[in-house]
Amino acid sequence: MALDPGLLEILACPDDKGPLRYLPDEDILYNPRLGRSYPIRDGIPVLLISESTDLDEDEKKRIDEITDDGSQSSSPEG
């Protein structure tokens, strides 16, 4: 289930308050600044730091390559 574009516009990382990148095929929201992902469960973003995953360098690189190809950002500029 895709997230509503209006919701994506207002979502922000609970840690640094910056925009998140939406990866619908992986059901995550990704913060490239912190190298952290947040799960989406049953169509609901789980924006709890305790539920986030800190990604290793290989995973960050893989996701950065995916998001450079056209993921949606949770900021109005994205």
C-alpha atoms as a PDB file:
ATOM      1  CA  MET A   1       0.000   0.000   0.000  1.00  0.00           C
ATOM      2  CA  ALA A   2       1.513   3.336  -1.063  1.00  0.00           C
ATOM      3  CA  LEU A   3       1.641   6.226   1.350  1.00  0.00           C
ATOM      4  CA  ASP A   4      -0.524   9.243   0.644  1.00  0.00           C
ATOM      5  CA  PRO A   5       1.493  12.035  -1.031  1.00  0.00           C
ATOM      6  CA  GLY A   6      -0.007  14.554   1.410  1.00  0.00           C
ATOM      7  CA  LEU A   7       1.287  12.516   4.320  1.00  0.00           C
ATOM      8  CA  LEU A   8       4.746  12.297   2.771  1.00  0.00           C
ATOM      9  CA  GLU A   9       4.891  16.088   2.640  1.00  0.00           C
ATOM     10  CA  ILE A  10       4.583  16.427   6.419  1.00  0.00           C
ATOM     11  CA  LEU A  11       6.626  13.453   7.629  1.00  0.00           C
ATOM     12  CA  ALA A  12      10.034  14.185   9.130  1.00  0.00           C
ATOM     13  CA  CYS A  13      12.714  12.231  10.905  1.00  0.00           C
ATOM     14  CA  PRO A  14      11.993  12.243  14.640  1.00  0.00           C
ATOM     15  CA  ASP A  15      15.722  12.595  15.370  1.00  0.00           C
ATOM     16  CA  ASP A  16      17.025  15.382  13.103  1.00  0.00           C
ATOM     17  CA  LYS A  17      13.608  16.706  11.949  1.00  0.00           C
ATOM     18  CA  GLY A  18      14.717  16.580   8.305  1.00  0.00           C
ATOM     19  CA  PRO A  19      12.933  15.076   5.296  1.00  0.00           C
ATOM     20  CA  LEU A  20      12.790  11.343   4.678  1.00  0.00           C
ATOM     21  CA  ARG A  21      12.981   9.421   1.421  1.00  0.00           C
ATOM     22  CA  TYR A  22      10.152   6.998   0.710  1.00  0.00           C
ATOM     23  CA  LEU A  23      11.041   3.588  -0.724  1.00  0.00           C
ATOM     24  CA  PRO A  24       7.672   1.955  -1.427  1.00  0.00           C
ATOM     25  CA  ASP A  25       9.174  -1.301  -2.732  1.00  0.00           C
ATOM     26  CA  GLU A  26      11.003  -1.783   0.563  1.00  0.00           C
ATOM     27  CA  ASP A  27       8.313  -0.390   2.894  1.00  0.00           C
ATOM     28  CA  ILE A  28      10.706   2.032   4.550  1.00  0.00           C
ATOM     29  CA  LEU A  29      11.335   5.715   5.027  1.00  0.00           C
ATOM     30  CA  TYR A  30      15.041   6.518   4.784  1.00  0.00           C
ATOM     31  CA  ASN A  31      17.088   9.308   6.337  1.00  0.00           C
ATOM     32  CA  PRO A  32      20.250   9.646   4.229  1.00  0.00           C
ATOM     33  CA  ARG A  33      21.818  12.131   6.651  1.00  0.00           C
ATOM     34  CA  LEU A  34      21.829   9.646   9.536  1.00  0.00           C
ATOM     35  CA  GLY A  35      21.902   6.446   7.480  1.00  0.00           C
ATOM     36  CA  ARG A  36      18.766   5.252   9.216  1.00  0.00           C
ATOM     37  CA  SER A  37      15.568   3.626   8.002  1.00  0.00           C
ATOM     38  CA  TYR A  38      12.117   3.573   9.556  1.00  0.00           C
ATOM     39  CA  PRO A  39       9.697   0.730   8.827  1.00  0.00           C
ATOM     40  CA  ILE A  40       6.242   1.065   7.322  1.00  0.00           C
ATOM     41  CA  ARG A  41       3.941  -1.565   8.817  1.00  0.00           C
ATOM     42  CA  ASP A  42       0.478  -2.155   7.395  1.00  0.00           C
ATOM     43  CA  GLY A  43       0.697   1.191   5.608  1.00  0.00           C
ATOM     44  CA  ILE A  44       1.627   3.085   8.794  1.00  0.00           C
ATOM     45  CA  PRO A  45       5.046   4.757   9.135  1.00  0.00           C
ATOM     46  CA  VAL A  46       6.670   3.784  12.439  1.00  0.00           C
ATOM     47  CA  LEU A  47       8.673   6.900  13.238  1.00  0.00           C
ATOM     48  CA  LEU A  48      10.120   5.782  16.551  1.00  0.00           C
ATOM     49  CA  ILE A  49      13.879   5.980  16.942  1.00  0.00           C
ATOM     50  CA  SER A  50      13.778   2.750  18.935  1.00  0.00           C
ATOM     51  CA  GLU A  51      12.179   0.991  15.924  1.00  0.00           C
ATOM     52  CA  SER A  52      14.612   2.414  13.355  1.00  0.00           C
ATOM     53  CA  THR A  53      17.518   0.572  11.774  1.00  0.00           C
ATOM     54  CA  ASP A  54      21.005   2.041  11.474  1.00  0.00           C
ATOM     55  CA  LEU A  55      22.293   0.899   8.105  1.00  0.00           C
ATOM     56  CA  ASP A  56      25.820  -0.278   7.347  1.00  0.00           C
ATOM     57  CA  GLU A  57      27.849   1.399   4.598  1.00  0.00           C
ATOM     58  CA  ASP A  58      26.955  -1.168   1.914  1.00  0.00           C
ATOM     59  CA  GLU A  59      23.234  -0.817   2.610  1.00  0.00           C
ATOM     60  CA  LYS A  60      23.457   3.000   2.648  1.00  0.00           C
ATOM     61  CA  LYS A  61      25.202   2.940  -0.723  1.00  0.00           C
ATOM     62  CA  ARG A  62      22.581   0.569  -2.173  1.00  0.00           C
ATOM     63  CA  ILE A  63      19.691   2.717  -0.936  1.00  0.00           C
ATOM     64  CA  ASP A  64      21.364   5.949  -2.055  1.00  0.00           C
ATOM     65  CA  GLU A  65      21.635   4.477  -5.559  1.00  0.00           C
ATOM     66  CA  ILE A  66      17.945   3.550  -5.493  1.00  0.00           C
ATOM     67  CA  THR A  67      16.814   6.938  -4.186  1.00  0.00           C
ATOM     68  CA  ASP A  68      18.935   8.828  -6.694  1.00  0.00           C
ATOM     69  CA  ASP A  69      16.835   7.091  -9.358  1.00  0.00           C
ATOM     70  CA  GLY A  70      13.556   8.658  -8.266  1.00  0.00           C
ATOM     71  CA  SER A  71      12.204   7.842  -4.840  1.00  0.00           C
ATOM     72  CA  GLN A  72       9.777  10.262  -3.268  1.00  0.00           C
ATOM     73  CA  SER A  73      10.908  12.640  -0.573  1.00  0.00           C
ATOM     74  CA  SER A  74       8.800  13.566   2.411  1.00  0.00           C
ATOM     75  CA  SER A  75       9.639  17.226   1.917  1.00  0.00           C
ATOM     76  CA  PRO A  76       7.766  19.697  -0.278  1.00  0.00           C
ATOM     77  CA  GLU A  77      10.902  20.166  -2.414  1.00  0.00           C
ATOM     78  CA  GLY A  78      11.090  16.421  -3.170  1.00  0.00           C
END
